[in-house]
């Protein structure tokens, strides 16, 4: 199996996605990862992020040798004026089962509530379903992440499962919800 090389920019109306590499790391980006307001619903909050931890994470998307069991993609989300808004990724790609998991972070608070997540997810859906020819995209969020829940519902995801009290948010145990959209739902949506 040949890996799809992630060098192509994905263009939307208000946002574009470009492969996110080591050249894209900035102090602002690392600051988002460490900002308790930005990372409130992200597992990245559990470890202080540094240039070294971020470099290791980004390098994991661009291995020297293609590992068919670890195919994954990472993009920066950019506004029309080329400002970095956040990142989006596809991980846990399983070619046998034709599925993947989506991850998203809108770090730039100026773009919260401005459709960046929705448009970025739509662009990644097109890549996952059309380019990678997958049949299922999943996503996971805390039951308290109202913004992500709203976005998943708006884009046609169905809630498929609940991991009851599986995570600690710093104050209490909370549920984690599993969501998915299928190829035919995406085509008809």
Foldseek 3Di string as FASTA:
>chain_A
DDADDQQDWQDDDWKIWGFDALVNDDPLQLVLLCDCVQCLWPPSVVDRDDSVVVNVVRVLQPDPDDDVQWHKTKIFMAGPVGDTQWMKMWTRQDVVQQETEIDITGRPPVCVPVCSVLRVVLSVCCCSCPVVVGFKYKYKTWPPPVSVVVSCVVQPKDWDDKDQQPDDSPPGRTIMIMIMDTNVSNVVD
